[in-house]
Amino acid sequence: MAAGKEIRGKIKSVENTKKITKAMEMVAASKMRKAQERMRTARPYSEKVRQIAANLSRANPEYVHPFMVEHPDATVSGMIVVTTDKGLCGGLNTNLLRAVTHQFRELQSKGHTAQVVAIGNKGFGFMNRIGAPVVSHVTGLGDTPHLERLIGPVKVLLDAYAQGKLNAVYLCYTKFINTMKQEPVVQQLLPLTAAELEQGGDAAYDWDYIYEPDAPTVIDELLVRYVESQVYQAVAENMASEQSARMVAMKAATDNAGNLISELKLVYNKTRQASITKELSEIVAGAAAV
């Protein structure tokens, strides 16, 4: 029964693995609800700030912020890549990093290079492996994003753009659609252009504003809030997507473990029955010989 003992060991091992994946599924389901609530709460503010920034880019303001100035002569682009710190979440990071790689190739085809800010351990490791220049990074964000930890690393690219060293800054993250679907997104964060920012409304309308107390104060504050809201929302969307993808992946792993246990038990029963039949045959043959 050496083969039977080996199969029993495999069954025990798979059962232990099934307990772990089931526990991880339950934990991810609990975290997913909180992450989705946080993400949905932040969406209206983020979309409204984005819409106002789009309207502002179509206006003729009396003060032009550095974020609204294009730098066509610059040959370097900035990319903020938001990924997870941990794995076991299906193809979530793989799909996003594939989209980021595609964006890299598009930039290279134009003769441009890229600088990267990595948010999340998986993206940081991937960028180092492919040799992309990572100017700053932040990892270990936990289950709740904190804006003060995000703005510092991102400010490196924002300052470089304001100085005219970058021609654009892109924000790359995974957008939460529903529990079963998450989409990788690569959107332009800077410069502010109506074509990139438009979220509905009448694009032909000529916007104009009256600023109080003055244009520099209002526009500077607005665009700082715009960048903060977009980065925070990207991280919140990515965290909701991570927990959803992990829950689905762990459920699939648990189901597969159950199927494998059933198959191993069937093989074990067949092996045990064959061993019993063989022993009976030997006993009958021995008795007949006597």
Protein backbone atom coordinates (compact mmCIF):
# COMPACT_ATOMS: atom_id res chain seq x y z
CA MET A 1 0.00 0.00 0.00
CA ALA A 2 2.93 2.32 -0.59
CA ALA A 3 1.04 3.98 -3.45
CA GLY A 4 -2.06 4.36 -1.26
CA LYS A 5 -0.02 6.03 1.50
CA GLU A 6 1.43 8.47 -1.01
CA ILE A 7 -2.05 9.36 -2.33
CA ARG A 8 -3.32 9.89 1.25
CA GLY A 9 -0.43 12.31 1.79
CA LYS A 10 -1.38 14.24 -1.35
CA ILE A 11 -5.03 14.40 -0.28
CA LYS A 12 -4.02 15.79 3.12
CA SER A 13 -1.75 18.36 1.50
CA VAL A 14 -4.45 19.57 -0.91
CA GLU A 15 -6.98 19.74 1.95
CA ASN A 16 -4.62 22.00 3.91
CA THR A 17 -4.15 24.19 0.83
CA LYS A 18 -7.93 24.37 0.37
CA LYS A 19 -8.35 25.62 3.95
CA ILE A 20 -5.81 28.38 3.29
CA THR A 21 -7.38 29.52 0.00
CA LYS A 22 -10.85 29.46 1.58
CA ALA A 23 -9.65 31.65 4.43
CA MET A 24 -7.98 34.06 1.99
CA GLU A 25 -11.20 34.21 -0.03
CA MET A 26 -13.19 35.21 3.06
CA VAL A 27 -10.62 37.83 4.08
CA ALA A 28 -10.56 39.31 0.55
CA ALA A 29 -14.37 39.43 0.47
CA SER A 30 -14.40 41.39 3.73
CA LYS A 31 -11.69 43.81 2.57
CA MET A 32 -13.34 44.15 -0.85
CA ARG A 33 -16.52 45.65 0.60
CA LYS A 34 -14.56 48.31 2.49
CA ALA A 35 -12.34 49.08 -0.52
CA GLN A 36 -15.33 49.41 -2.85
CA GLU A 37 -17.10 51.73 -0.42
CA ARG A 38 -13.98 53.91 -0.14
CA MET A 39 -13.56 53.98 -3.92
CA ARG A 40 -17.22 54.83 -4.64
CA THR A 41 -17.19 57.57 -2.00
CA ALA A 42 -14.19 59.27 -3.62
CA ARG A 43 -15.46 59.00 -7.22
CA PRO A 44 -17.89 61.99 -7.31
CA TYR A 45 -15.26 64.41 -5.99
CA SER A 46 -12.60 63.08 -8.36
CA GLU A 47 -14.89 63.30 -11.40
CA LYS A 48 -16.05 66.82 -10.50
CA VAL A 49 -12.51 68.12 -10.06
CA ARG A 50 -11.58 66.50 -13.38
CA GLN A 51 -14.54 68.15 -15.09
CA ILE A 52 -13.66 71.59 -13.70
CA ALA A 53 -10.05 71.12 -14.82
CA ALA A 54 -11.32 70.24 -18.31
CA ASN A 55 -13.47 73.37 -18.39
CA LEU A 56 -10.52 75.45 -17.20
CA SER A 57 -8.31 74.08 -20.00
CA ARG A 58 -10.84 75.33 -22.57
CA ALA A 59 -11.07 78.77 -20.98
CA ASN A 60 -8.76 81.68 -21.60
CA PRO A 61 -7.52 82.27 -18.08
CA GLU A 62 -5.72 85.43 -17.12
CA TYR A 63 -3.13 83.24 -15.40
CA VAL A 64 -1.59 80.12 -16.97
CA HIS A 65 -0.43 77.49 -14.51
CA PRO A 66 2.70 75.46 -15.42
CA PHE A 67 0.54 72.30 -15.52
CA MET A 68 -1.46 73.83 -18.39
CA VAL A 69 1.61 74.60 -20.55
CA GLU A 70 2.66 72.03 -23.15
CA HIS A 71 6.32 71.19 -23.72
CA PRO A 72 6.55 69.75 -27.26
CA ASP A 73 10.36 70.01 -27.31
CA ALA A 74 10.81 67.67 -24.32
CA THR A 75 11.58 64.06 -25.22
CA VAL A 76 10.91 62.50 -21.80
CA SER A 77 7.52 61.42 -20.44
CA GLY A 78 6.57 60.61 -16.87
CA MET A 79 4.52 57.57 -15.86
CA ILE A 80 2.86 56.92 -12.50
CA VAL A 81 2.31 53.15 -12.32
CA VAL A 82 -0.09 51.93 -9.61
CA THR A 83 0.08 48.19 -8.83
CA THR A 84 -0.44 45.96 -5.79
CA ASP A 85 2.06 45.12 -3.06
CA LYS A 86 1.05 41.44 -2.93
CA GLY A 87 0.26 38.78 -5.49
CA LEU A 88 -2.38 36.03 -5.65
CA CYS A 89 -4.81 38.33 -7.45
CA GLY A 90 -5.03 36.67 -10.85
CA GLY A 91 -3.93 38.62 -13.92
CA LEU A 92 -4.57 42.06 -12.38
CA ASN A 93 -0.96 43.29 -12.38
CA THR A 94 -0.06 41.40 -15.55
CA ASN A 95 -2.76 43.15 -17.58
CA LEU A 96 -1.78 46.60 -16.29
CA LEU A 97 1.95 46.08 -16.83
CA ARG A 98 1.20 44.84 -20.37
CA ALA A 99 -0.61 48.15 -21.05
CA VAL A 100 2.31 50.08 -19.52
CA THR A 101 4.78 48.17 -21.72
CA HIS A 102 2.67 49.02 -24.77
CA GLN A 103 2.79 52.71 -23.78
CA PHE A 104 6.58 52.44 -23.42
CA ARG A 105 6.83 51.10 -26.96
CA GLU A 106 4.67 53.92 -28.31
CA LEU A 107 6.92 56.48 -26.66
CA GLN A 108 10.04 54.76 -28.00
CA SER A 109 8.58 54.76 -31.52
CA LYS A 110 8.39 58.57 -31.23
CA GLY A 111 11.97 58.76 -30.00
CA HIS A 112 10.94 59.51 -26.42
CA THR A 113 12.01 57.97 -23.13
CA ALA A 114 10.12 57.58 -19.85
CA GLN A 115 10.65 58.13 -16.14
CA VAL A 116 8.58 56.08 -13.72
CA VAL A 117 7.07 56.58 -10.28
CA ALA A 118 6.10 53.14 -8.96
CA ILE A 119 3.27 52.84 -6.44
CA GLY A 120 3.17 49.23 -5.27
CA ASN A 121 5.81 46.53 -4.92
CA LYS A 122 4.84 44.54 -8.03
CA GLY A 123 5.22 47.50 -10.38
CA PHE A 124 8.46 48.56 -8.71
CA GLY A 125 9.97 45.12 -9.20
CA PHE A 126 8.80 44.90 -12.81
CA MET A 127 10.23 48.31 -13.72
CA ASN A 128 13.59 47.37 -12.22
CA ARG A 129 13.62 44.10 -14.18
CA ILE A 130 13.02 45.79 -17.54
CA GLY A 131 15.55 48.53 -16.78
CA ALA A 132 13.09 51.46 -16.70
CA PRO A 133 14.38 54.51 -14.78
CA VAL A 134 12.43 54.64 -11.48
CA VAL A 135 12.83 58.14 -10.03
CA SER A 136 10.80 57.39 -6.88
CA HIS A 137 8.56 54.72 -5.43
CA VAL A 138 6.28 53.92 -2.50
CA THR A 139 5.36 50.44 -1.24
CA GLY A 140 3.59 48.94 1.74
CA LEU A 141 0.48 51.13 1.55
CA GLY A 142 -1.63 48.56 3.41
CA ASP A 143 -5.39 48.33 3.01
CA THR A 144 -6.07 52.08 3.28
CA PRO A 145 -4.41 54.66 0.97
CA HIS A 146 -2.95 57.72 2.68
CA LEU A 147 -2.59 60.82 0.53
CA GLU A 148 0.44 62.14 2.40
CA ARG A 149 2.41 59.02 1.42
CA LEU A 150 1.44 59.33 -2.26
CA ILE A 151 2.08 62.99 -2.98
CA GLY A 152 5.79 62.95 -2.05
CA PRO A 153 6.92 60.42 -4.69
CA VAL A 154 4.55 61.84 -7.34
CA LYS A 155 5.83 65.39 -6.75
CA VAL A 156 9.13 64.41 -8.38
CA LEU A 157 7.39 64.12 -11.77
CA LEU A 158 5.17 67.16 -11.17
CA ASP A 159 8.18 69.37 -10.44
CA ALA A 160 10.01 68.01 -13.49
CA TYR A 161 6.99 68.82 -15.67
CA ALA A 162 6.68 72.33 -14.25
CA GLN A 163 10.36 72.88 -15.12
CA GLY A 164 9.72 71.83 -18.72
CA LYS A 165 11.71 68.58 -18.53
CA LEU A 166 8.72 66.33 -19.36
CA ASN A 167 6.30 66.54 -22.27
CA ALA A 168 3.51 64.62 -20.49
CA VAL A 169 2.68 62.70 -17.32
CA TYR A 170 0.56 59.53 -17.53
CA LEU A 171 -1.35 57.81 -14.74
CA CYS A 172 -1.56 54.00 -15.07
CA TYR A 173 -3.86 51.98 -12.81
CA THR A 174 -6.59 49.31 -12.84
CA LYS A 175 -10.13 50.71 -12.88
CA PHE A 176 -12.82 48.85 -10.95
CA ILE A 177 -15.84 47.98 -13.13
CA ASN A 178 -17.46 45.24 -11.07
CA THR A 179 -16.43 42.26 -8.98
CA MET A 180 -15.69 40.13 -12.04
CA LYS A 181 -14.20 42.82 -14.30
CA GLN A 182 -11.34 45.28 -13.87
CA GLU A 183 -9.79 47.31 -16.70
CA PRO A 184 -6.21 48.61 -17.01
CA VAL A 185 -6.21 52.36 -17.69
CA VAL A 186 -3.46 54.63 -19.01
CA GLN A 187 -4.65 58.25 -18.89
CA GLN A 188 -2.89 61.55 -19.38
CA LEU A 189 -2.57 63.51 -16.15
CA LEU A 190 -0.55 66.45 -17.50
CA PRO A 191 -0.74 68.71 -19.45
CA LEU A 192 -4.36 69.65 -18.91
CA THR A 193 -6.10 69.39 -22.27
CA ALA A 194 -9.83 69.35 -22.94
CA ALA A 195 -9.50 66.40 -25.33
CA GLU A 196 -7.98 64.21 -22.60
CA LEU A 197 -10.09 65.44 -19.70
CA GLU A 198 -13.55 65.83 -21.19
CA GLN A 199 -16.12 63.85 -19.21
CA GLY A 200 -19.31 64.77 -21.03
CA GLY A 201 -20.93 68.15 -21.48
CA ASP A 202 -20.74 70.58 -24.34
CA ALA A 203 -17.17 70.57 -25.62
CA ALA A 204 -17.87 73.53 -27.92
CA TYR A 205 -18.82 75.81 -25.03
CA ASP A 206 -16.33 78.60 -24.31
CA TRP A 207 -15.79 78.64 -20.58
CA ASP A 208 -14.92 81.76 -18.66
CA TYR A 209 -14.54 82.33 -14.95
CA ILE A 210 -14.41 85.17 -12.47
CA TYR A 211 -11.73 84.45 -9.87
CA GLU A 212 -11.86 85.45 -6.20
CA PRO A 213 -9.55 86.54 -4.66
CA ASP A 214 -7.34 86.25 -7.78
CA ALA A 215 -6.59 83.81 -10.60
CA PRO A 216 -3.18 82.50 -9.38
CA THR A 217 -4.52 81.60 -5.94
CA VAL A 218 -7.61 79.81 -7.24
CA ILE A 219 -5.95 77.98 -10.15
CA ASP A 220 -2.91 76.90 -8.11
CA GLU A 221 -5.14 75.45 -5.39
CA LEU A 222 -7.49 73.81 -7.91
CA LEU A 223 -4.75 72.07 -9.89
CA VAL A 224 -3.05 70.80 -6.73
CA ARG A 225 -6.39 69.31 -5.66
CA TYR A 226 -6.86 67.92 -9.17
CA VAL A 227 -3.57 66.00 -9.10
CA GLU A 228 -4.14 64.79 -5.53
CA SER A 229 -7.67 63.57 -6.29
CA GLN A 230 -6.65 61.72 -9.45
CA VAL A 231 -3.72 59.92 -7.78
CA TYR A 232 -5.77 59.03 -4.69
CA GLN A 233 -8.68 57.81 -6.82
CA ALA A 234 -6.32 55.68 -8.93
CA VAL A 235 -4.94 54.00 -5.81
CA ALA A 236 -8.45 53.50 -4.37
CA GLU A 237 -9.67 51.97 -7.64
CA ASN A 238 -6.62 49.71 -7.77
CA MET A 239 -7.16 48.50 -4.19
CA ALA A 240 -10.82 47.69 -4.86
CA SER A 241 -9.78 45.85 -8.01
CA GLU A 242 -7.07 43.96 -6.08
CA GLN A 243 -9.43 42.63 -3.42
CA SER A 244 -12.07 41.67 -6.00
CA ALA A 245 -9.51 39.86 -8.17
CA ARG A 246 -8.02 38.10 -5.14
CA MET A 247 -11.43 36.94 -3.94
CA VAL A 248 -12.26 35.52 -7.37
CA ALA A 249 -8.81 33.90 -7.70
CA MET A 250 -9.01 32.30 -4.26
CA LYS A 251 -12.52 31.03 -4.92
CA ALA A 252 -11.31 29.42 -8.14
CA ALA A 253 -8.36 27.91 -6.26
CA THR A 254 -10.67 26.53 -3.56
CA ASP A 255 -12.99 24.99 -6.17
CA ASN A 256 -10.04 23.46 -8.04
CA ALA A 257 -8.68 22.03 -4.77
CA GLY A 258 -12.07 20.41 -4.10
CA ASN A 259 -12.09 18.86 -7.57
CA LEU A 260 -8.54 17.61 -7.14
CA ILE A 261 -9.41 16.03 -3.76
CA SER A 262 -12.34 14.20 -5.36
CA GLU A 263 -10.10 12.88 -8.13
CA LEU A 264 -7.40 11.78 -5.68
CA LYS A 265 -9.96 10.00 -3.48
CA LEU A 266 -11.27 8.15 -6.54
CA VAL A 267 -7.73 7.07 -7.46
CA TYR A 268 -7.06 6.07 -3.85
CA ASN A 269 -10.22 3.95 -3.68
CA LYS A 270 -9.37 2.27 -6.96
CA THR A 271 -5.81 1.54 -5.77
CA ARG A 272 -7.09 0.20 -2.44
CA GLN A 273 -9.68 -2.01 -4.17
CA ALA A 274 -7.04 -3.39 -6.52
CA SER A 275 -4.77 -4.18 -3.56
CA ILE A 276 -7.60 -5.99 -1.71
CA THR A 277 -8.51 -7.96 -4.83
CA LYS A 278 -4.88 -8.98 -5.28
CA GLU A 279 -4.59 -10.18 -1.68
CA LEU A 280 -7.82 -12.20 -1.97
CA SER A 281 -6.56 -13.76 -5.17
CA GLU A 282 -3.30 -14.77 -3.47
CA ILE A 283 -5.19 -16.28 -0.50
CA VAL A 284 -7.50 -18.28 -2.82
CA ALA A 285 -4.54 -19.45 -4.91
CA GLY A 286 -2.66 -20.53 -1.78
CA ALA A 287 -5.65 -22.42 -0.39
CA ALA A 288 -6.18 -24.19 -3.73
CA ALA A 289 -2.51 -25.22 -3.81
CA VAL A 290 -2.74 -26.74 -0.33
